[in-house]
């Protein structure tokens, strides 16, 4: 994960760079500066070949449906209970797929998590396929995905087809970024 400049907080800029928010740290900085805990490394057991997914969903029924869809595609799936938990899981592992519900962690979680993903170095962010799920999106609406800085948006009503939708989206993304990823591999940065 890349570092956040000292004068940057998740979601807004601080004037002057030296003044911090009233509690001293943003959620992202707090998670990033936390001490090492082996339980924060969710996939130490996965081989290099294994693909991983993170599900950020508050509703237990939708969480189960999303997890099952990703598991059926061959992903090792982890679930996040809150934005803090998601950031901890992302601290030591670059997930291949992240599925975030727009209402995750009472709505604020999705915004904070998407902002944290935007702050990642582009070489890391391009390796993560981010899917945003919500009632206000049309499935596979490219402009909505671009506006939210995600790879794919899915309407909640289409979760029964999530496996197929994500599979096609990931394949299109890999084809689109193939040259870029090859260049990174040649430079030794992948």
N, C-alpha and C. Protein backbone atom coordinates (compact mmCIF):
# COMPACT_ATOMS: atom_id res chain seq x y z
N UNK A 1 0.84 -1.17 0.00
CA UNK A 1 0.00 0.00 0.00
C UNK A 1 0.88 1.23 0.00
N UNK A 2 0.47 2.21 -0.76
CA UNK A 2 1.27 3.44 -0.79
C UNK A 2 0.94 4.30 0.43
N UNK A 3 1.86 5.18 0.77
CA UNK A 3 1.64 6.06 1.92
C UNK A 3 0.82 7.26 1.50
N UNK A 4 0.05 7.78 2.41
CA UNK A 4 -0.71 8.99 2.19
C UNK A 4 0.17 10.16 2.59
N UNK A 5 0.23 11.21 1.76
CA UNK A 5 0.99 12.38 2.18
C UNK A 5 0.49 12.89 3.53
N UNK A 6 1.38 13.48 4.31
CA UNK A 6 1.05 13.90 5.67
C UNK A 6 -0.11 14.87 5.73
N UNK A 7 -0.31 15.65 4.69
CA UNK A 7 -1.38 16.64 4.74
C UNK A 7 -2.66 16.14 4.10
N UNK A 8 -2.81 14.84 3.87
CA UNK A 8 -4.00 14.31 3.21
C UNK A 8 -4.80 13.46 4.19
N UNK A 9 -6.09 13.64 4.23
CA UNK A 9 -6.95 12.77 5.00
C UNK A 9 -7.87 12.08 4.02
N UNK A 10 -8.49 11.02 4.45
CA UNK A 10 -9.43 10.32 3.60
C UNK A 10 -10.64 11.22 3.41
N UNK A 11 -10.91 11.59 2.18
CA UNK A 11 -12.11 12.35 1.88
C UNK A 11 -11.97 13.85 1.79
N UNK A 12 -10.90 14.47 2.32
CA UNK A 12 -10.76 15.92 2.21
C UNK A 12 -9.32 16.35 2.48
N UNK A 13 -8.99 17.56 2.07
CA UNK A 13 -7.65 18.10 2.29
C UNK A 13 -7.62 18.89 3.58
N UNK A 14 -6.47 18.90 4.21
CA UNK A 14 -6.25 19.71 5.41
C UNK A 14 -5.40 20.90 4.99
N UNK A 15 -5.79 22.10 5.37
CA UNK A 15 -5.00 23.27 5.03
C UNK A 15 -3.80 23.36 5.95
N UNK A 16 -2.67 23.73 5.40
CA UNK A 16 -1.47 23.95 6.19
C UNK A 16 -0.63 22.71 6.42
N UNK A 17 -1.13 21.53 6.23
CA UNK A 17 -0.36 20.32 6.35
C UNK A 17 0.00 19.92 7.77
N UNK A 18 0.13 20.85 8.71
CA UNK A 18 0.55 20.53 10.07
C UNK A 18 -0.65 20.30 10.98
N UNK A 19 -1.75 20.93 10.66
CA UNK A 19 -2.95 20.79 11.49
C UNK A 19 -3.62 19.46 11.19
N UNK A 20 -3.89 18.69 12.20
CA UNK A 20 -4.54 17.39 12.01
C UNK A 20 -5.99 17.51 12.47
N UNK A 21 -6.78 16.51 12.11
CA UNK A 21 -8.16 16.48 12.54
C UNK A 21 -8.20 16.41 14.06
N UNK A 22 -9.35 16.73 14.66
CA UNK A 22 -9.46 16.84 16.11
C UNK A 22 -9.00 15.59 16.85
N UNK A 23 -9.14 14.43 16.32
CA UNK A 23 -8.69 13.24 17.03
C UNK A 23 -7.30 12.81 16.63
N UNK A 24 -6.67 13.52 15.72
CA UNK A 24 -5.26 13.26 15.41
C UNK A 24 -4.99 12.36 14.23
N UNK A 25 -5.85 11.40 13.94
CA UNK A 25 -5.59 10.47 12.84
C UNK A 25 -6.86 10.19 12.08
N UNK A 26 -6.71 9.95 10.82
CA UNK A 26 -7.84 9.47 10.03
C UNK A 26 -7.91 7.97 10.20
N UNK A 27 -9.00 7.39 9.80
CA UNK A 27 -9.17 5.95 9.89
C UNK A 27 -8.10 5.23 9.09
N UNK A 28 -7.82 5.73 7.90
CA UNK A 28 -6.82 5.09 7.04
C UNK A 28 -5.44 5.14 7.68
N UNK A 29 -5.06 6.28 8.19
CA UNK A 29 -3.75 6.41 8.83
C UNK A 29 -3.68 5.55 10.09
N UNK A 30 -4.77 5.48 10.83
CA UNK A 30 -4.80 4.68 12.04
C UNK A 30 -4.56 3.21 11.72
N UNK A 31 -5.22 2.71 10.71
CA UNK A 31 -5.04 1.31 10.32
C UNK A 31 -3.63 1.09 9.78
N UNK A 32 -3.14 2.03 8.96
CA UNK A 32 -1.81 1.88 8.35
C UNK A 32 -0.70 1.94 9.39
N UNK A 33 -0.90 2.68 10.47
CA UNK A 33 0.16 2.82 11.47
C UNK A 33 0.05 1.81 12.60
N UNK A 34 -0.95 0.94 12.55
CA UNK A 34 -1.14 -0.05 13.61
C UNK A 34 0.00 -1.03 13.67
N UNK A 35 0.15 -1.68 14.81
CA UNK A 35 1.22 -2.64 14.97
C UNK A 35 0.90 -3.91 14.20
N UNK A 36 1.92 -4.69 13.91
CA UNK A 36 1.77 -5.92 13.16
C UNK A 36 1.02 -6.95 13.99
N UNK A 37 0.08 -7.60 13.36
CA UNK A 37 -0.66 -8.68 13.97
C UNK A 37 -0.80 -9.77 12.91
N UNK A 38 -0.34 -10.96 13.18
CA UNK A 38 -0.36 -12.04 12.20
C UNK A 38 -1.78 -12.33 11.71
N UNK A 39 -2.78 -12.09 12.52
CA UNK A 39 -4.15 -12.35 12.09
C UNK A 39 -4.60 -11.35 11.02
N UNK A 40 -3.86 -10.24 10.83
CA UNK A 40 -4.18 -9.28 9.79
C UNK A 40 -3.73 -9.77 8.41
N UNK A 41 -3.02 -10.85 8.36
CA UNK A 41 -2.55 -11.42 7.09
C UNK A 41 -3.50 -12.57 6.74
N UNK A 42 -4.59 -12.29 6.03
CA UNK A 42 -5.64 -13.28 5.84
C UNK A 42 -5.30 -14.41 4.87
N UNK A 43 -4.27 -14.25 4.03
CA UNK A 43 -4.02 -15.26 3.01
C UNK A 43 -2.59 -15.75 3.00
N UNK A 44 -1.96 -15.89 4.15
CA UNK A 44 -0.60 -16.43 4.18
C UNK A 44 -0.54 -17.85 3.63
N UNK A 45 -1.64 -18.56 3.71
CA UNK A 45 -1.66 -19.96 3.30
C UNK A 45 -1.90 -20.14 1.80
N UNK A 46 -2.31 -19.11 1.08
CA UNK A 46 -2.66 -19.22 -0.32
C UNK A 46 -1.39 -19.20 -1.17
N UNK A 47 -1.33 -20.10 -2.15
CA UNK A 47 -0.18 -20.13 -3.04
C UNK A 47 -0.22 -18.92 -3.95
N UNK A 48 0.87 -18.71 -4.66
CA UNK A 48 0.93 -17.56 -5.57
C UNK A 48 -0.14 -17.63 -6.65
N UNK A 49 -0.55 -18.83 -6.99
CA UNK A 49 -1.52 -19.01 -8.07
C UNK A 49 -2.95 -18.70 -7.63
N UNK A 50 -3.23 -18.70 -6.34
CA UNK A 50 -4.58 -18.51 -5.87
C UNK A 50 -5.05 -17.07 -5.99
N UNK A 51 -6.28 -16.89 -6.46
CA UNK A 51 -6.85 -15.56 -6.55
C UNK A 51 -7.73 -15.33 -5.33
N UNK A 52 -7.77 -14.08 -4.88
CA UNK A 52 -8.48 -13.76 -3.65
C UNK A 52 -9.52 -12.67 -3.87
N UNK A 53 -10.54 -12.69 -3.03
CA UNK A 53 -11.60 -11.70 -3.12
C UNK A 53 -11.98 -11.23 -1.72
N UNK A 54 -12.38 -9.96 -1.64
CA UNK A 54 -12.84 -9.37 -0.39
C UNK A 54 -14.27 -8.90 -0.60
N UNK A 55 -15.16 -9.33 0.29
CA UNK A 55 -16.57 -8.94 0.22
C UNK A 55 -16.84 -7.93 1.33
N UNK A 56 -17.28 -6.74 0.95
CA UNK A 56 -17.62 -5.67 1.88
C UNK A 56 -19.12 -5.43 1.80
N UNK A 57 -19.85 -6.16 2.60
CA UNK A 57 -21.31 -6.16 2.57
C UNK A 57 -21.82 -6.27 3.99
N UNK A 58 -22.81 -5.47 4.35
CA UNK A 58 -23.35 -5.48 5.71
C UNK A 58 -24.51 -6.46 5.87
N UNK A 59 -25.31 -6.64 4.83
CA UNK A 59 -26.48 -7.52 4.89
C UNK A 59 -26.03 -8.99 4.83
N UNK A 60 -26.36 -9.79 5.85
CA UNK A 60 -25.89 -11.19 5.89
C UNK A 60 -26.33 -12.02 4.68
N UNK A 61 -27.56 -11.82 4.21
CA UNK A 61 -28.05 -12.58 3.06
C UNK A 61 -27.30 -12.23 1.79
N UNK A 62 -27.10 -10.93 1.56
CA UNK A 62 -26.36 -10.50 0.37
C UNK A 62 -24.89 -10.87 0.47
N UNK A 63 -24.35 -10.83 1.70
CA UNK A 63 -22.95 -11.20 1.91
C UNK A 63 -22.74 -12.66 1.53
N UNK A 64 -23.66 -13.51 1.96
CA UNK A 64 -23.56 -14.94 1.65
C UNK A 64 -23.68 -15.19 0.15
N UNK A 65 -24.64 -14.52 -0.48
CA UNK A 65 -24.86 -14.68 -1.92
C UNK A 65 -23.63 -14.22 -2.71
N UNK A 66 -23.04 -13.09 -2.31
CA UNK A 66 -21.85 -12.56 -2.97
C UNK A 66 -20.66 -13.48 -2.77
N UNK A 67 -20.47 -13.94 -1.54
CA UNK A 67 -19.36 -14.85 -1.23
C UNK A 67 -19.47 -16.15 -2.01
N UNK A 68 -20.67 -16.70 -2.11
CA UNK A 68 -20.88 -17.94 -2.86
C UNK A 68 -20.57 -17.75 -4.35
N UNK A 69 -20.99 -16.61 -4.90
CA UNK A 69 -20.73 -16.34 -6.32
C UNK A 69 -19.23 -16.27 -6.59
N UNK A 70 -18.50 -15.60 -5.73
CA UNK A 70 -17.04 -15.48 -5.91
C UNK A 70 -16.33 -16.80 -5.65
N UNK A 71 -16.80 -17.55 -4.66
CA UNK A 71 -16.22 -18.86 -4.38
C UNK A 71 -16.41 -19.80 -5.57
N UNK A 72 -17.57 -19.73 -6.21
CA UNK A 72 -17.84 -20.58 -7.37
C UNK A 72 -16.92 -20.24 -8.55
N UNK A 73 -16.36 -19.03 -8.56
CA UNK A 73 -15.41 -18.64 -9.61
C UNK A 73 -13.98 -19.04 -9.25
N UNK A 74 -13.78 -19.63 -8.07
CA UNK A 74 -12.47 -20.10 -7.67
C UNK A 74 -11.68 -19.15 -6.79
N UNK A 75 -12.30 -18.10 -6.30
CA UNK A 75 -11.61 -17.15 -5.43
C UNK A 75 -11.62 -17.65 -3.99
N UNK A 76 -10.54 -17.39 -3.28
CA UNK A 76 -10.52 -17.54 -1.83
C UNK A 76 -11.14 -16.27 -1.29
N UNK A 77 -12.23 -16.39 -0.54
CA UNK A 77 -13.03 -15.23 -0.16
C UNK A 77 -12.86 -14.89 1.31
N UNK A 78 -12.66 -13.61 1.59
CA UNK A 78 -12.67 -13.06 2.94
C UNK A 78 -13.80 -12.04 3.01
N UNK A 79 -14.41 -11.93 4.18
CA UNK A 79 -15.49 -10.96 4.39
C UNK A 79 -15.03 -9.90 5.38
N UNK A 80 -15.40 -8.67 5.12
CA UNK A 80 -15.08 -7.56 6.02
C UNK A 80 -16.34 -7.16 6.76
N UNK A 81 -16.20 -6.95 8.06
CA UNK A 81 -17.34 -6.55 8.88
C UNK A 81 -17.55 -5.04 8.89
N UNK A 82 -16.48 -4.29 8.66
CA UNK A 82 -16.54 -2.83 8.69
C UNK A 82 -15.45 -2.29 7.77
N UNK A 83 -15.45 -0.98 7.56
CA UNK A 83 -14.41 -0.38 6.74
C UNK A 83 -13.05 -0.55 7.41
N UNK A 84 -12.99 -0.45 8.71
CA UNK A 84 -11.74 -0.65 9.44
C UNK A 84 -11.22 -2.07 9.21
N UNK A 85 -12.11 -3.05 9.28
CA UNK A 85 -11.73 -4.45 9.05
C UNK A 85 -11.25 -4.64 7.61
N UNK A 86 -11.92 -4.02 6.66
CA UNK A 86 -11.51 -4.13 5.25
C UNK A 86 -10.12 -3.54 5.04
N UNK A 87 -9.87 -2.37 5.61
CA UNK A 87 -8.56 -1.74 5.47
C UNK A 87 -7.46 -2.58 6.13
N UNK A 88 -7.78 -3.22 7.26
CA UNK A 88 -6.80 -4.09 7.91
C UNK A 88 -6.47 -5.27 7.00
N UNK A 89 -7.50 -5.86 6.40
CA UNK A 89 -7.27 -7.00 5.51
C UNK A 89 -6.48 -6.59 4.27
N UNK A 90 -6.69 -5.36 3.79
CA UNK A 90 -5.99 -4.87 2.61
C UNK A 90 -4.57 -4.42 2.94
N UNK A 91 -4.26 -4.28 4.20
CA UNK A 91 -2.95 -3.76 4.61
C UNK A 91 -1.80 -4.65 4.15
N UNK A 92 -1.96 -5.97 4.23
CA UNK A 92 -0.89 -6.90 3.88
C UNK A 92 -1.19 -7.75 2.66
N UNK A 93 -2.31 -7.50 2.01
CA UNK A 93 -2.67 -8.34 0.87
C UNK A 93 -3.34 -7.51 -0.22
N UNK A 94 -2.92 -7.73 -1.46
CA UNK A 94 -3.57 -7.08 -2.60
C UNK A 94 -4.58 -8.09 -3.14
N UNK A 95 -5.85 -7.79 -2.93
CA UNK A 95 -6.92 -8.68 -3.40
C UNK A 95 -7.08 -8.55 -4.90
N UNK A 96 -7.46 -9.66 -5.54
CA UNK A 96 -7.72 -9.63 -6.98
C UNK A 96 -9.06 -8.98 -7.27
N UNK A 97 -10.05 -9.26 -6.43
CA UNK A 97 -11.40 -8.71 -6.60
C UNK A 97 -11.88 -8.19 -5.25
N UNK A 98 -12.49 -7.00 -5.28
CA UNK A 98 -13.15 -6.46 -4.09
C UNK A 98 -14.57 -6.09 -4.50
N UNK A 99 -15.55 -6.61 -3.77
CA UNK A 99 -16.95 -6.29 -4.01
C UNK A 99 -17.44 -5.47 -2.83
N UNK A 100 -17.90 -4.24 -3.11
CA UNK A 100 -18.34 -3.31 -2.08
C UNK A 100 -19.79 -2.93 -2.33
N UNK A 101 -20.63 -3.04 -1.30
CA UNK A 101 -21.99 -2.56 -1.41
C UNK A 101 -21.99 -1.07 -1.09
N UNK A 102 -22.76 -0.30 -1.82
CA UNK A 102 -22.83 1.15 -1.62
C UNK A 102 -23.31 1.50 -0.21
N UNK A 103 -24.03 0.58 0.45
CA UNK A 103 -24.53 0.81 1.80
C UNK A 103 -23.64 0.16 2.87
N UNK A 104 -22.45 -0.27 2.50
CA UNK A 104 -21.55 -0.96 3.43
C UNK A 104 -21.20 -0.07 4.62
N UNK A 105 -21.25 -0.66 5.80
CA UNK A 105 -20.90 0.03 7.05
C UNK A 105 -21.67 1.34 7.18
N UNK A 106 -22.99 1.23 7.04
CA UNK A 106 -23.93 2.35 7.16
C UNK A 106 -23.71 3.42 6.09
N UNK A 107 -23.24 3.04 4.93
CA UNK A 107 -23.07 3.98 3.82
C UNK A 107 -21.73 4.70 3.80
N UNK A 108 -21.21 5.04 4.95
CA UNK A 108 -19.93 5.75 5.00
C UNK A 108 -18.76 4.84 4.63
N UNK A 109 -18.91 3.57 4.89
CA UNK A 109 -17.84 2.61 4.64
C UNK A 109 -17.45 2.52 3.18
N UNK A 110 -18.45 2.50 2.30
CA UNK A 110 -18.15 2.42 0.87
C UNK A 110 -17.36 3.63 0.41
N UNK A 111 -17.76 4.82 0.84
CA UNK A 111 -17.04 6.04 0.44
C UNK A 111 -15.60 6.02 0.94
N UNK A 112 -15.42 5.67 2.21
CA UNK A 112 -14.07 5.65 2.79
C UNK A 112 -13.19 4.59 2.13
N UNK A 113 -13.77 3.43 1.86
CA UNK A 113 -13.01 2.36 1.24
C UNK A 113 -12.63 2.71 -0.20
N UNK A 114 -13.55 3.27 -0.95
CA UNK A 114 -13.26 3.67 -2.33
C UNK A 114 -12.22 4.79 -2.38
N UNK A 115 -12.27 5.70 -1.40
CA UNK A 115 -11.26 6.75 -1.33
C UNK A 115 -9.89 6.15 -1.04
N UNK A 116 -9.83 5.18 -0.13
CA UNK A 116 -8.56 4.53 0.18
C UNK A 116 -8.00 3.81 -1.05
N UNK A 117 -8.87 3.20 -1.84
CA UNK A 117 -8.42 2.54 -3.06
C UNK A 117 -7.89 3.54 -4.08
N UNK A 118 -8.51 4.72 -4.14
CA UNK A 118 -8.03 5.77 -5.06
C UNK A 118 -6.63 6.23 -4.70
N UNK A 119 -6.27 6.16 -3.43
CA UNK A 119 -4.97 6.63 -2.97
C UNK A 119 -3.84 5.63 -3.21
N UNK A 120 -4.19 4.42 -3.60
CA UNK A 120 -3.16 3.42 -3.87
C UNK A 120 -2.34 3.82 -5.09
N UNK A 121 -1.10 3.36 -5.13
CA UNK A 121 -0.27 3.54 -6.31
C UNK A 121 -0.96 2.86 -7.48
N UNK A 122 -0.90 3.48 -8.65
CA UNK A 122 -1.64 2.99 -9.81
C UNK A 122 -1.22 1.57 -10.19
N UNK A 123 0.04 1.21 -9.99
CA UNK A 123 0.48 -0.14 -10.34
C UNK A 123 -0.18 -1.19 -9.43
N UNK A 124 -0.53 -0.82 -8.22
CA UNK A 124 -1.23 -1.72 -7.32
C UNK A 124 -2.73 -1.69 -7.62
N UNK A 125 -3.28 -0.49 -7.79
CA UNK A 125 -4.73 -0.37 -8.02
C UNK A 125 -5.18 -1.09 -9.27
N UNK A 126 -4.36 -1.09 -10.32
CA UNK A 126 -4.74 -1.76 -11.57
C UNK A 126 -4.82 -3.27 -11.43
N UNK A 127 -4.24 -3.81 -10.38
CA UNK A 127 -4.30 -5.26 -10.15
C UNK A 127 -5.57 -5.66 -9.40
N UNK A 128 -6.31 -4.69 -8.90
CA UNK A 128 -7.52 -4.95 -8.11
C UNK A 128 -8.74 -4.63 -8.96
N UNK A 129 -9.64 -5.59 -9.08
CA UNK A 129 -10.89 -5.38 -9.81
C UNK A 129 -11.97 -5.05 -8.78
N UNK A 130 -12.45 -3.81 -8.78
CA UNK A 130 -13.41 -3.34 -7.78
C UNK A 130 -14.81 -3.29 -8.38
N UNK A 131 -15.73 -3.95 -7.69
CA UNK A 131 -17.14 -3.97 -8.10
C UNK A 131 -17.97 -3.28 -7.03
N UNK A 132 -18.79 -2.33 -7.44
CA UNK A 132 -19.67 -1.61 -6.53
C UNK A 132 -21.10 -2.07 -6.77
N UNK A 133 -21.78 -2.51 -5.72
CA UNK A 133 -23.14 -3.02 -5.79
C UNK A 133 -24.08 -2.04 -5.12
N UNK A 134 -25.21 -1.77 -5.75
CA UNK A 134 -26.19 -0.86 -5.15
C UNK A 134 -27.49 -0.81 -5.92
N UNK A 135 -28.49 -0.23 -5.29
CA UNK A 135 -29.81 -0.12 -5.91
C UNK A 135 -29.89 1.01 -6.93
N UNK A 136 -28.98 1.95 -6.88
CA UNK A 136 -29.07 3.12 -7.76
C UNK A 136 -28.25 2.97 -9.04
N UNK A 137 -27.72 1.78 -9.30
CA UNK A 137 -26.90 1.56 -10.50
C UNK A 137 -27.60 0.65 -11.48
N UNK A 138 -27.31 0.87 -12.74
CA UNK A 138 -27.67 -0.08 -13.79
C UNK A 138 -26.48 -1.02 -13.95
N UNK A 139 -26.70 -2.30 -13.97
CA UNK A 139 -25.61 -3.26 -14.09
C UNK A 139 -24.78 -2.98 -15.33
N UNK A 140 -23.46 -2.94 -15.14
CA UNK A 140 -22.46 -2.74 -16.19
C UNK A 140 -22.54 -1.34 -16.82
N UNK A 141 -23.01 -0.36 -16.08
CA UNK A 141 -23.05 1.02 -16.55
C UNK A 141 -21.65 1.61 -16.45
N UNK A 142 -20.99 1.76 -17.59
CA UNK A 142 -19.60 2.21 -17.62
C UNK A 142 -19.41 3.61 -17.07
N UNK A 143 -20.34 4.51 -17.33
CA UNK A 143 -20.21 5.88 -16.84
C UNK A 143 -20.35 5.93 -15.32
N UNK A 144 -21.26 5.15 -14.77
CA UNK A 144 -21.41 5.11 -13.31
C UNK A 144 -20.15 4.52 -12.67
N UNK A 145 -19.58 3.51 -13.30
CA UNK A 145 -18.34 2.91 -12.79
C UNK A 145 -17.20 3.93 -12.85
N UNK A 146 -17.09 4.64 -13.95
CA UNK A 146 -16.05 5.67 -14.10
C UNK A 146 -16.23 6.76 -13.05
N UNK A 147 -17.46 7.20 -12.85
CA UNK A 147 -17.75 8.25 -11.88
C UNK A 147 -17.37 7.84 -10.45
N UNK A 148 -17.54 6.57 -10.13
CA UNK A 148 -17.24 6.07 -8.79
C UNK A 148 -15.81 5.52 -8.66
N UNK A 149 -15.04 5.58 -9.75
CA UNK A 149 -13.65 5.06 -9.78
C UNK A 149 -13.59 3.58 -9.45
N UNK A 150 -14.52 2.82 -9.99
CA UNK A 150 -14.52 1.36 -9.85
C UNK A 150 -14.48 0.74 -11.24
N UNK A 151 -14.27 -0.57 -11.28
CA UNK A 151 -14.22 -1.25 -12.56
C UNK A 151 -15.60 -1.64 -13.07
N UNK A 152 -16.53 -1.89 -12.15
CA UNK A 152 -17.84 -2.42 -12.54
C UNK A 152 -18.88 -2.02 -11.50
N UNK A 153 -20.08 -1.71 -11.97
CA UNK A 153 -21.21 -1.50 -11.05
C UNK A 153 -22.27 -2.56 -11.35
N UNK A 154 -22.94 -3.00 -10.29
CA UNK A 154 -23.96 -4.04 -10.42
C UNK A 154 -25.17 -3.63 -9.59
N UNK A 155 -26.34 -3.74 -10.18
CA UNK A 155 -27.59 -3.49 -9.46
C UNK A 155 -27.84 -4.64 -8.50
N UNK A 156 -28.33 -4.33 -7.31
CA UNK A 156 -28.58 -5.34 -6.29
C UNK A 156 -29.50 -6.44 -6.79
N UNK A 157 -30.43 -6.11 -7.65
CA UNK A 157 -31.35 -7.10 -8.20
C UNK A 157 -30.69 -8.13 -9.09
N UNK A 158 -29.48 -7.86 -9.52
CA UNK A 158 -28.76 -8.79 -10.41
C UNK A 158 -27.74 -9.64 -9.67
N UNK A 159 -27.81 -9.71 -8.34
CA UNK A 159 -26.83 -10.48 -7.57
C UNK A 159 -26.90 -11.98 -7.86
N UNK A 160 -28.04 -12.47 -8.34
CA UNK A 160 -28.12 -13.89 -8.71
C UNK A 160 -27.18 -14.21 -9.87
N UNK A 161 -26.85 -13.22 -10.66
CA UNK A 161 -25.95 -13.39 -11.82
C UNK A 161 -24.57 -12.81 -11.55
N UNK A 162 -24.24 -12.51 -10.30
CA UNK A 162 -22.99 -11.83 -9.97
C UNK A 162 -21.77 -12.60 -10.46
N UNK A 163 -21.77 -13.92 -10.33
CA UNK A 163 -20.64 -14.72 -10.77
C UNK A 163 -20.32 -14.50 -12.24
N UNK A 164 -21.33 -14.58 -13.08
CA UNK A 164 -21.14 -14.38 -14.52
C UNK A 164 -20.73 -12.95 -14.83
N UNK A 165 -21.36 -12.00 -14.17
CA UNK A 165 -21.06 -10.58 -14.41
C UNK A 165 -19.62 -10.26 -14.03
N UNK A 166 -19.18 -10.71 -12.87
CA UNK A 166 -17.81 -10.45 -12.43
C UNK A 166 -16.81 -11.19 -13.31
N UNK A 167 -17.11 -12.42 -13.65
CA UNK A 167 -16.21 -13.20 -14.52
C UNK A 167 -15.97 -12.48 -15.85
N UNK A 168 -17.05 -12.01 -16.49
CA UNK A 168 -16.92 -11.28 -17.75
C UNK A 168 -16.19 -9.96 -17.56
N UNK A 169 -16.49 -9.26 -16.47
CA UNK A 169 -15.82 -7.99 -16.20
C UNK A 169 -14.33 -8.15 -15.98
N UNK A 170 -13.95 -9.18 -15.24
CA UNK A 170 -12.53 -9.44 -14.97
C UNK A 170 -11.81 -9.79 -16.27
N UNK A 171 -12.45 -10.61 -17.11
CA UNK A 171 -11.83 -10.97 -18.39
C UNK A 171 -11.63 -9.75 -19.28
N UNK A 172 -12.64 -8.88 -19.35
CA UNK A 172 -12.51 -7.65 -20.15
C UNK A 172 -11.42 -6.75 -19.59
N UNK A 173 -11.34 -6.66 -18.27
CA UNK A 173 -10.33 -5.83 -17.61
C UNK A 173 -8.93 -6.35 -17.90
N UNK A 174 -8.74 -7.66 -17.82
CA UNK A 174 -7.44 -8.26 -18.11
C UNK A 174 -7.04 -8.01 -19.55
N UNK A 175 -7.98 -8.12 -20.48
CA UNK A 175 -7.67 -7.86 -21.89
C UNK A 175 -7.31 -6.38 -22.10
N UNK A 176 -8.04 -5.49 -21.44
CA UNK A 176 -7.81 -4.05 -21.59
C UNK A 176 -6.44 -3.65 -21.06
N UNK A 177 -6.04 -4.19 -19.91
CA UNK A 177 -4.78 -3.81 -19.27
C UNK A 177 -3.63 -4.78 -19.58
N UNK A 178 -3.79 -5.66 -20.54
CA UNK A 178 -2.77 -6.66 -20.85
C UNK A 178 -1.41 -6.02 -21.16
N UNK A 179 -1.39 -5.04 -22.03
CA UNK A 179 -0.13 -4.40 -22.42
C UNK A 179 0.50 -3.68 -21.23
N UNK A 180 -0.32 -2.99 -20.45
CA UNK A 180 0.17 -2.29 -19.27
C UNK A 180 0.80 -3.27 -18.28
N UNK A 181 0.13 -4.38 -18.02
CA UNK A 181 0.64 -5.36 -17.06
C UNK A 181 1.91 -6.02 -17.58
N UNK A 182 1.99 -6.25 -18.88
CA UNK A 182 3.22 -6.81 -19.47
C UNK A 182 4.39 -5.85 -19.29
N UNK A 183 4.13 -4.57 -19.49
CA UNK A 183 5.19 -3.56 -19.31
C UNK A 183 5.65 -3.54 -17.85
N UNK A 184 4.72 -3.64 -16.90
CA UNK A 184 5.09 -3.69 -15.49
C UNK A 184 5.93 -4.93 -15.19
N UNK A 185 5.54 -6.07 -15.76
CA UNK A 185 6.29 -7.32 -15.54
C UNK A 185 7.72 -7.18 -16.06
N UNK A 186 7.86 -6.58 -17.24
CA UNK A 186 9.20 -6.41 -17.83
C UNK A 186 10.05 -5.48 -16.99
N UNK A 187 9.43 -4.50 -16.34
CA UNK A 187 10.16 -3.57 -15.48
C UNK A 187 10.39 -4.15 -14.09
N UNK A 188 9.80 -5.32 -13.83
CA UNK A 188 9.96 -5.94 -12.52
C UNK A 188 9.09 -5.36 -11.44
N UNK A 189 7.98 -4.73 -11.81
CA UNK A 189 7.12 -4.07 -10.82
C UNK A 189 5.80 -4.79 -10.60
N UNK A 190 5.63 -6.00 -11.14
CA UNK A 190 4.36 -6.68 -10.95
C UNK A 190 4.42 -7.73 -9.87
